[in-house]
């Protein structure tokens, strides 16, 4: 789905996340962002970015872009959508979409972290 190689996609992802000084890209092998213990975006190893939206936003996005459920390691990731190549290439739309998923993540109930 991504038109970017992984290194380019990772650099682009880090650039978008950098627009939020309170956030950082986490993970060694699998890059992601989270707020209050809730992951809300992830960069897959094939350079595909997935973001978490509210159920209504997810349905509207999938209808508009013809995308389907995000499947990772054999499981459907509830609330996630694939970021299309067209959005990856449009800086303003990509940042707007990322801002939308950040705002949604802030509404989720905090989860305790497993790290001590």
C-alpha atoms as a PDB file:
ATOM      1  CA  UNK A   1       0.000   0.000   0.000  1.00  0.00           C
ATOM      2  CA  UNK A   2       2.876   2.392   0.715  1.00  0.00           C
ATOM      3  CA  UNK A   3       4.789   3.936  -2.136  1.00  0.00           C
ATOM      4  CA  UNK A   4       7.692   4.668   0.236  1.00  0.00           C
ATOM      5  CA  UNK A   5      10.549   2.398   1.236  1.00  0.00           C
ATOM      6  CA  UNK A   6      10.865   1.787   4.983  1.00  0.00           C
ATOM      7  CA  UNK A   7      13.715   4.246   5.619  1.00  0.00           C
ATOM      8  CA  UNK A   8      11.878   7.060   3.828  1.00  0.00           C
ATOM      9  CA  UNK A   9       8.604   6.175   5.547  1.00  0.00           C
ATOM     10  CA  UNK A  10      10.303   6.167   8.959  1.00  0.00           C
ATOM     11  CA  UNK A  11      11.893   9.576   8.346  1.00  0.00           C
ATOM     12  CA  UNK A  12       8.517  10.967   7.253  1.00  0.00           C
ATOM     13  CA  UNK A  13       6.771   9.417  10.275  1.00  0.00           C
ATOM     14  CA  UNK A  14       9.357  10.870  12.671  1.00  0.00           C
ATOM     15  CA  UNK A  15       8.951  14.273  11.013  1.00  0.00           C
ATOM     16  CA  UNK A  16       5.187  14.234  11.513  1.00  0.00           C
ATOM     17  CA  UNK A  17       5.488  13.077  15.126  1.00  0.00           C
ATOM     18  CA  UNK A  18       8.064  15.826  15.777  1.00  0.00           C
ATOM     19  CA  UNK A  19       5.246  18.318  15.228  1.00  0.00           C
ATOM     20  CA  UNK A  20       4.029  17.218  18.675  1.00  0.00           C
ATOM     21  CA  UNK A  21       6.870  17.951  21.129  1.00  0.00           C
ATOM     22  CA  UNK A  22       5.166  15.885  23.858  1.00  0.00           C
ATOM     23  CA  UNK A  23       5.260  12.734  21.681  1.00  0.00           C
ATOM     24  CA  UNK A  24       8.033  10.508  20.432  1.00  0.00           C
ATOM     25  CA  UNK A  25       8.353   7.497  18.175  1.00  0.00           C
ATOM     26  CA  UNK A  26       8.787   4.416  20.355  1.00  0.00           C
ATOM     27  CA  UNK A  27       9.767   0.815  19.715  1.00  0.00           C
ATOM     28  CA  UNK A  28      12.931  -0.798  18.466  1.00  0.00           C
ATOM     29  CA  UNK A  29      11.668  -3.225  15.827  1.00  0.00           C
ATOM     30  CA  UNK A  30       8.112  -1.901  15.430  1.00  0.00           C
ATOM     31  CA  UNK A  31       7.782   1.887  15.523  1.00  0.00           C
ATOM     32  CA  UNK A  32       4.682   3.390  17.145  1.00  0.00           C
ATOM     33  CA  UNK A  33       3.309   6.297  19.178  1.00  0.00           C
ATOM     34  CA  UNK A  34       1.161   6.175  22.285  1.00  0.00           C
ATOM     35  CA  UNK A  35      -0.562   8.411  24.812  1.00  0.00           C
ATOM     36  CA  UNK A  36      -1.491   7.247  28.326  1.00  0.00           C
ATOM     37  CA  UNK A  37      -0.603   3.658  27.425  1.00  0.00           C
ATOM     38  CA  UNK A  38      -2.793   3.642  24.293  1.00  0.00           C
ATOM     39  CA  UNK A  39      -1.014   3.096  20.984  1.00  0.00           C
ATOM     40  CA  UNK A  40      -2.533   5.253  18.259  1.00  0.00           C
ATOM     41  CA  UNK A  41      -0.192   4.994  15.282  1.00  0.00           C
ATOM     42  CA  UNK A  42       2.255   2.411  13.999  1.00  0.00           C
ATOM     43  CA  UNK A  43       4.654   2.098  11.103  1.00  0.00           C
ATOM     44  CA  UNK A  44       4.706  -1.400   9.674  1.00  0.00           C
ATOM     45  CA  UNK A  45       7.895  -3.000   8.413  1.00  0.00           C
ATOM     46  CA  UNK A  46       6.751  -2.571   4.812  1.00  0.00           C
ATOM     47  CA  UNK A  47       6.546   1.226   5.262  1.00  0.00           C
ATOM     48  CA  UNK A  48       2.765   1.349   5.702  1.00  0.00           C
ATOM     49  CA  UNK A  49       1.498   3.769   8.339  1.00  0.00           C
ATOM     50  CA  UNK A  50      -1.596   2.919  10.357  1.00  0.00           C
ATOM     51  CA  UNK A  51      -3.453   5.360  12.612  1.00  0.00           C
ATOM     52  CA  UNK A  52      -6.245   4.944  15.134  1.00  0.00           C
ATOM     53  CA  UNK A  53      -9.493   6.859  14.684  1.00  0.00           C
ATOM     54  CA  UNK A  54     -12.872   6.864  16.352  1.00  0.00           C
ATOM     55  CA  UNK A  55     -15.254   4.255  14.991  1.00  0.00           C
ATOM     56  CA  UNK A  56     -17.260   6.891  13.076  1.00  0.00           C
ATOM     57  CA  UNK A  57     -14.093   8.457  11.608  1.00  0.00           C
ATOM     58  CA  UNK A  58     -12.773   5.010  10.676  1.00  0.00           C
ATOM     59  CA  UNK A  59     -15.985   4.080   8.816  1.00  0.00           C
ATOM     60  CA  UNK A  60     -16.018   7.403   6.948  1.00  0.00           C
ATOM     61  CA  UNK A  61     -12.325   7.086   6.045  1.00  0.00           C
ATOM     62  CA  UNK A  62     -12.671   3.493   4.817  1.00  0.00           C
ATOM     63  CA  UNK A  63     -15.728   4.424   2.761  1.00  0.00           C
ATOM     64  CA  UNK A  64     -13.968   7.420   1.203  1.00  0.00           C
ATOM     65  CA  UNK A  65     -10.648   5.705   0.484  1.00  0.00           C
ATOM     66  CA  UNK A  66     -11.769   2.133  -0.161  1.00  0.00           C
ATOM     67  CA  UNK A  67      -9.533   0.723   2.545  1.00  0.00           C
ATOM     68  CA  UNK A  68     -10.426  -2.083   4.911  1.00  0.00           C
ATOM     69  CA  UNK A  69      -9.483  -3.441   8.302  1.00  0.00           C
ATOM     70  CA  UNK A  70      -5.871  -3.219   9.427  1.00  0.00           C
ATOM     71  CA  UNK A  71      -4.495  -6.692  10.125  1.00  0.00           C
ATOM     72  CA  UNK A  72      -1.279  -7.072  12.079  1.00  0.00           C
ATOM     73  CA  UNK A  73       0.216 -10.420  13.064  1.00  0.00           C
ATOM     74  CA  UNK A  74      -3.053 -12.121  12.094  1.00  0.00           C
ATOM     75  CA  UNK A  75      -5.318  -9.918  14.225  1.00  0.00           C
ATOM     76  CA  UNK A  76      -7.647  -7.110  13.195  1.00  0.00           C
ATOM     77  CA  UNK A  77      -6.581  -3.883  14.883  1.00  0.00           C
ATOM     78  CA  UNK A  78      -9.793  -2.232  16.025  1.00  0.00           C
ATOM     79  CA  UNK A  79     -10.053   1.433  15.139  1.00  0.00           C
ATOM     80  CA  UNK A  80      -7.044   1.524  12.826  1.00  0.00           C
ATOM     81  CA  UNK A  81      -6.904   2.548   9.168  1.00  0.00           C
ATOM     82  CA  UNK A  82      -4.173   2.347   6.558  1.00  0.00           C
ATOM     83  CA  UNK A  83      -2.792   5.725   5.479  1.00  0.00           C
ATOM     84  CA  UNK A  84      -3.082   5.780   1.695  1.00  0.00           C
ATOM     85  CA  UNK A  85      -0.136   6.695  -0.565  1.00  0.00           C
ATOM     86  CA  UNK A  86      -1.980   9.870  -1.577  1.00  0.00           C
ATOM     87  CA  UNK A  87      -2.116  11.014   2.052  1.00  0.00           C
ATOM     88  CA  UNK A  88       1.551  10.064   2.621  1.00  0.00           C
ATOM     89  CA  UNK A  89       2.447  12.389  -0.256  1.00  0.00           C
ATOM     90  CA  UNK A  90       0.346  15.367   0.939  1.00  0.00           C
ATOM     91  CA  UNK A  91       2.097  16.942   3.916  1.00  0.00           C
ATOM     92  CA  UNK A  92      -0.889  19.040   5.026  1.00  0.00           C
ATOM     93  CA  UNK A  93      -3.383  16.166   4.840  1.00  0.00           C
ATOM     94  CA  UNK A  94      -0.965  13.771   6.567  1.00  0.00           C
ATOM     95  CA  UNK A  95      -0.410  16.213   9.443  1.00  0.00           C
ATOM     96  CA  UNK A  96      -4.147  16.876   9.711  1.00  0.00           C
ATOM     97  CA  UNK A  97      -4.858  13.142   9.871  1.00  0.00           C
ATOM     98  CA  UNK A  98      -2.141  12.596  12.471  1.00  0.00           C
ATOM     99  CA  UNK A  99      -3.521  15.486  14.541  1.00  0.00           C
ATOM    100  CA  UNK A 100      -6.954  13.865  14.319  1.00  0.00           C
ATOM    101  CA  UNK A 101      -5.647  10.553  15.647  1.00  0.00           C
ATOM    102  CA  UNK A 102      -3.716  12.326  18.454  1.00  0.00           C
ATOM    103  CA  UNK A 103      -6.883  14.102  19.562  1.00  0.00           C
ATOM    104  CA  UNK A 104      -8.791  10.815  19.534  1.00  0.00           C
ATOM    105  CA  UNK A 105      -6.037   9.067  21.530  1.00  0.00           C
ATOM    106  CA  UNK A 106      -6.316  11.753  24.211  1.00  0.00           C
ATOM    107  CA  UNK A 107      -9.948  10.737  24.791  1.00  0.00           C
ATOM    108  CA  UNK A 108      -9.121   7.084  25.477  1.00  0.00           C
ATOM    109  CA  UNK A 109      -9.095   5.757  29.011  1.00  0.00           C
ATOM    110  CA  UNK A 110      -5.483   5.614  30.296  1.00  0.00           C
ATOM    111  CA  UNK A 111      -3.956   2.147  30.516  1.00  0.00           C
ATOM    112  CA  UNK A 112      -1.280   1.199  33.002  1.00  0.00           C
ATOM    113  CA  UNK A 113       2.078   0.616  31.388  1.00  0.00           C
ATOM    114  CA  UNK A 114       3.909  -2.671  31.787  1.00  0.00           C
ATOM    115  CA  UNK A 115       7.289  -0.999  32.268  1.00  0.00           C
ATOM    116  CA  UNK A 116       8.519  -0.475  35.808  1.00  0.00           C
END
